[in-house]
Amino acid sequence: MSAKDEITLDFGRAERIGLEEAIYCAGKSAQQIDAILDAAAERGARFLLTRLDAEKLDALPGHHRRALDYCPVSRTAFFGEARPVEGPPAVAVVAAGTSDVPVAREALRTLHYQGRGATLVADVGVAGLWRLTQRVEEIRAHAVVIVAAGMDAALPSVVGGLVAGPIIAVPTSVGYGVSAGGHTALNSVLASCAPGITVVNIDNGYGAACAALRLLYAAERLAGRAER
């Protein structure tokens, strides 16, 4: 059986839900990723690739490597052009610490791929609360806020008490010992006293961006109906 026989791509997903299929590269071989990109090229399709490490990137044929817009920090790649960004940034992506930036950048790159402007607000964790208060008005200017935080993940609750719009919390695996690979952060945001916070899985910047996209699409559909 060839790598091509192991894949079935969902080219109609964007028409159904407004979000194109993304290729999760962790667990896939370079041969499988190569077959996926071949199939996309045959149809003139584009893809967002997530969790693509440098070793697998280097193992791809040269023509595919050259066709990818790769970000080593977020381990994401664009196969094909990202949609052009129109209008001011609608999403603020807030990272508690610099160590949370890879997850935040995964969210940023997912939004950029879909043509959505986003602003990164990094290193504003609660250990130095003045850093957040200096930028809170900037954060409030966005329709949706994604907050990536590890350790005790206090930041989403604090932001949830300061910002009126939707808050999407991304617990990260950053932290020592009892942080338990992000499980402490996950439990913390699930138990948040700030009402209405949405929570995605540990380190899932991609999923947080997709949640933000669904919110934006829903708001635009409602606005379109109101205009009619």
Protein backbone atom coordinates (compact mmCIF):
# COMPACT_ATOMS: atom_id res chain seq x y z
CA MET A 1 0.00 0.00 0.00
CA SER A 2 1.35 3.43 -0.93
CA ALA A 3 1.14 6.61 1.12
CA LYS A 4 -1.45 7.88 -1.38
CA ASP A 5 -3.78 5.00 -0.40
CA GLU A 6 -3.64 6.12 3.25
CA ILE A 7 -5.16 9.57 2.78
CA THR A 8 -8.65 10.86 2.02
CA LEU A 9 -8.76 14.64 1.88
CA ASP A 10 -11.81 16.77 2.66
CA PHE A 11 -11.78 19.44 -0.05
CA GLY A 12 -15.41 20.40 0.62
CA ARG A 13 -15.05 21.29 4.29
CA ALA A 14 -14.83 25.05 3.74
CA GLU A 15 -18.18 25.04 1.94
CA ARG A 16 -19.81 23.19 4.83
CA ILE A 17 -18.39 24.98 7.87
CA GLY A 18 -16.33 27.91 6.58
CA LEU A 19 -13.03 26.35 7.72
CA GLU A 20 -10.75 24.43 5.38
CA GLU A 21 -9.19 21.15 6.43
CA ALA A 22 -5.82 21.54 8.11
CA ILE A 23 -3.12 18.89 7.92
CA TYR A 24 -1.95 17.77 11.35
CA CYS A 25 1.57 16.55 10.62
CA ALA A 26 2.49 14.99 13.97
CA GLY A 27 2.23 11.23 13.54
CA LYS A 28 2.33 11.44 9.75
CA SER A 29 5.37 10.32 7.81
CA ALA A 30 7.15 12.59 5.35
CA GLN A 31 5.88 10.25 2.62
CA GLN A 32 2.27 10.75 3.71
CA ILE A 33 2.71 14.55 3.84
CA ASP A 34 4.31 14.43 0.39
CA ALA A 35 1.29 12.51 -0.96
CA ILE A 36 -1.09 15.04 0.61
CA LEU A 37 0.74 17.96 -1.00
CA ASP A 38 0.76 16.13 -4.35
CA ALA A 39 -3.02 15.72 -4.14
CA ALA A 40 -3.46 19.38 -3.22
CA ALA A 41 -1.23 20.52 -6.08
CA GLU A 42 -3.22 18.42 -8.56
CA ARG A 43 -6.41 20.26 -7.56
CA GLY A 44 -4.82 23.68 -7.18
CA ALA A 45 -5.84 23.54 -3.51
CA ARG A 46 -4.14 25.12 -0.54
CA PHE A 47 -3.59 23.78 2.96
CA LEU A 48 -2.55 24.87 6.41
CA LEU A 49 -0.10 22.39 7.92
CA THR A 50 0.26 22.24 11.70
CA ARG A 51 2.86 20.55 13.96
CA LEU A 52 5.30 20.20 11.07
CA ASP A 53 8.74 19.79 12.63
CA ALA A 54 11.95 20.74 10.88
CA GLU A 55 13.06 17.13 10.41
CA LYS A 56 9.95 16.22 8.42
CA LEU A 57 10.16 19.48 6.48
CA ASP A 58 13.72 18.63 5.45
CA ALA A 59 12.60 15.15 4.37
CA LEU A 60 10.07 16.52 1.85
CA PRO A 61 10.99 16.80 -1.83
CA GLY A 62 12.57 20.11 -2.77
CA HIS A 63 9.65 21.33 -4.85
CA HIS A 64 7.31 20.95 -1.89
CA ARG A 65 9.75 22.54 0.58
CA ARG A 66 10.11 25.56 -1.70
CA ALA A 67 6.32 25.87 -1.99
CA LEU A 68 5.82 26.08 1.78
CA ASP A 69 5.72 29.25 3.87
CA TYR A 70 7.14 27.74 7.05
CA CYS A 71 7.29 29.18 10.58
CA PRO A 72 9.64 27.19 12.84
CA VAL A 73 8.33 28.80 16.04
CA SER A 74 4.73 27.71 15.52
CA ARG A 75 5.64 24.68 13.38
CA THR A 76 3.03 25.72 10.84
CA ALA A 77 3.27 25.99 7.08
CA PHE A 78 1.10 27.44 4.32
CA PHE A 79 0.83 25.43 1.12
CA GLY A 80 -0.56 28.02 -1.27
CA GLU A 81 -1.30 31.65 -0.60
CA ALA A 82 -2.91 32.85 2.60
CA ARG A 83 -6.07 34.86 2.13
CA PRO A 84 -5.42 38.61 2.05
CA VAL A 85 -6.07 40.34 5.35
CA GLU A 86 -8.71 43.05 5.13
CA GLY A 87 -9.59 45.60 7.78
CA PRO A 88 -8.14 46.08 11.27
CA PRO A 89 -7.14 43.09 13.43
CA ALA A 90 -10.22 41.43 14.90
CA VAL A 91 -8.46 39.07 17.33
CA ALA A 92 -5.95 39.73 20.10
CA VAL A 93 -3.73 36.76 20.88
CA VAL A 94 -2.38 37.22 24.41
CA ALA A 95 0.53 35.14 25.72
CA ALA A 96 1.24 35.05 29.44
CA GLY A 97 4.97 34.44 28.97
CA THR A 98 7.51 34.23 26.19
CA SER A 99 7.46 30.44 26.63
CA ASP A 100 3.79 30.49 25.56
CA VAL A 101 4.58 32.25 22.28
CA PRO A 102 4.82 29.06 20.12
CA VAL A 103 1.19 28.25 20.97
CA ALA A 104 0.17 31.88 20.46
CA ARG A 105 1.91 31.95 17.09
CA GLU A 106 0.09 28.80 16.01
CA ALA A 107 -3.14 30.72 16.63
CA LEU A 108 -1.82 33.81 14.83
CA ARG A 109 -0.71 31.83 11.79
CA THR A 110 -4.06 30.02 11.59
CA LEU A 111 -5.87 33.36 11.63
CA HIS A 112 -3.48 34.85 9.06
CA TYR A 113 -3.98 31.84 6.77
CA GLN A 114 -7.73 32.52 6.85
CA GLY A 115 -7.25 36.21 6.09
CA ARG A 116 -7.93 37.49 9.60
CA GLY A 117 -5.77 40.17 11.14
CA ALA A 118 -4.58 39.50 14.68
CA THR A 119 -2.39 41.26 17.23
CA LEU A 120 0.13 39.45 19.42
CA VAL A 121 0.32 40.75 22.99
CA ALA A 122 3.13 38.76 24.59
CA ASP A 123 4.70 38.43 28.04
CA VAL A 124 1.87 40.02 30.05
CA GLY A 125 1.42 37.33 32.70
CA VAL A 126 0.11 38.01 36.18
CA ALA A 127 3.54 37.76 37.83
CA GLY A 128 4.04 41.31 36.54
CA LEU A 129 0.47 42.57 36.39
CA TRP A 130 1.54 46.07 35.33
CA ARG A 131 2.48 44.63 31.93
CA LEU A 132 -1.13 43.64 31.33
CA THR A 133 -2.66 46.88 32.63
CA GLN A 134 -0.45 48.84 30.26
CA ARG A 135 -1.97 47.02 27.27
CA VAL A 136 -5.51 46.25 28.39
CA GLU A 137 -7.09 49.03 26.29
CA GLU A 138 -5.31 47.67 23.24
CA ILE A 139 -6.69 44.20 23.99
CA ARG A 140 -10.22 45.57 24.47
CA ALA A 141 -10.15 47.04 20.95
CA HIS A 142 -10.42 43.53 19.46
CA ALA A 143 -13.64 41.58 18.91
CA VAL A 144 -12.25 38.28 20.26
CA VAL A 145 -9.38 37.56 22.65
CA ILE A 146 -7.33 34.34 22.76
CA VAL A 147 -5.26 33.89 25.93
CA ALA A 148 -2.44 31.31 26.07
CA ALA A 149 -1.08 30.58 29.53
CA GLY A 150 0.71 27.78 31.34
CA MET A 151 1.73 27.15 34.96
CA ASP A 152 -1.32 28.23 37.03
CA ALA A 153 -2.99 29.81 33.95
CA ALA A 154 -4.35 32.73 35.97
CA LEU A 155 -4.21 35.14 33.05
CA PRO A 156 -7.42 34.06 31.23
CA SER A 157 -9.43 34.68 34.41
CA VAL A 158 -7.87 38.11 34.88
CA VAL A 159 -8.51 39.06 31.25
CA GLY A 160 -12.04 37.65 31.56
CA GLY A 161 -12.66 40.12 34.38
CA LEU A 162 -11.41 43.09 32.34
CA VAL A 163 -12.61 42.48 28.78
CA ALA A 164 -16.21 42.31 27.59
CA GLY A 165 -15.76 40.28 24.40
CA PRO A 166 -15.41 36.51 23.96
CA ILE A 167 -12.36 35.02 25.71
CA ILE A 168 -10.84 31.76 24.44
CA ALA A 169 -8.36 30.23 26.88
CA VAL A 170 -5.53 27.97 25.71
CA PRO A 171 -3.83 26.18 28.60
CA THR A 172 -0.22 25.43 27.68
CA SER A 173 2.18 22.74 28.80
CA VAL A 174 4.63 25.34 30.14
CA GLY A 175 5.60 24.89 33.78
CA TYR A 176 7.45 22.89 36.42
CA GLY A 177 6.57 19.69 38.27
CA VAL A 178 2.93 19.78 39.30
CA SER A 179 2.08 21.76 36.18
CA ALA A 180 1.82 18.21 34.80
CA GLY A 181 2.28 19.04 31.16
CA GLY A 182 -0.53 21.60 31.14
CA HIS A 183 -3.16 19.66 33.11
CA THR A 184 -2.96 22.08 36.04
CA ALA A 185 -3.46 24.99 33.63
CA LEU A 186 -6.38 23.18 32.00
CA ASN A 187 -8.10 22.54 35.33
CA SER A 188 -7.47 26.15 36.36
CA VAL A 189 -9.20 27.67 33.33
CA LEU A 190 -12.03 25.14 33.50
CA ALA A 191 -12.58 26.23 37.11
CA SER A 192 -12.29 29.96 36.31
CA CYS A 193 -14.52 32.33 38.25
CA ALA A 194 -14.70 34.65 35.22
CA PRO A 195 -17.98 33.67 33.54
CA GLY A 196 -18.27 32.62 29.93
CA ILE A 197 -14.66 31.74 29.13
CA THR A 198 -14.28 29.18 26.36
CA VAL A 199 -11.51 26.60 26.88
CA VAL A 200 -9.68 24.53 24.26
CA ASN A 201 -7.25 21.66 24.69
CA ILE A 202 -3.69 21.96 25.99
CA ASP A 203 -1.35 23.74 23.53
CA ASN A 204 -4.14 23.89 20.93
CA GLY A 205 -3.49 27.29 19.36
CA TYR A 206 -5.00 26.03 16.12
CA GLY A 207 -8.26 25.08 17.85
CA ALA A 208 -8.44 28.43 19.63
CA ALA A 209 -8.06 30.25 16.32
CA CYS A 210 -10.80 28.11 14.77
CA ALA A 211 -13.11 28.94 17.69
CA ALA A 212 -12.40 32.64 17.10
CA LEU A 213 -13.10 32.22 13.38
CA ARG A 214 -16.45 30.57 14.08
CA LEU A 215 -17.41 33.48 16.35
CA LEU A 216 -16.42 36.04 13.71
CA TYR A 217 -18.27 34.18 10.96
CA ALA A 218 -21.40 33.97 13.13
CA ALA A 219 -21.27 37.71 13.88
CA GLU A 220 -20.88 38.50 10.19
CA ARG A 221 -23.80 36.28 9.21
CA LEU A 222 -26.03 38.01 11.78
CA ALA A 223 -24.88 41.43 10.59
CA GLY A 224 -25.66 40.43 7.00
CA ARG A 225 -29.19 39.35 7.95
CA ALA A 226 -29.75 42.60 9.85
CA GLU A 227 -28.75 44.61 6.79
CA ARG A 228 -31.29 42.76 4.65
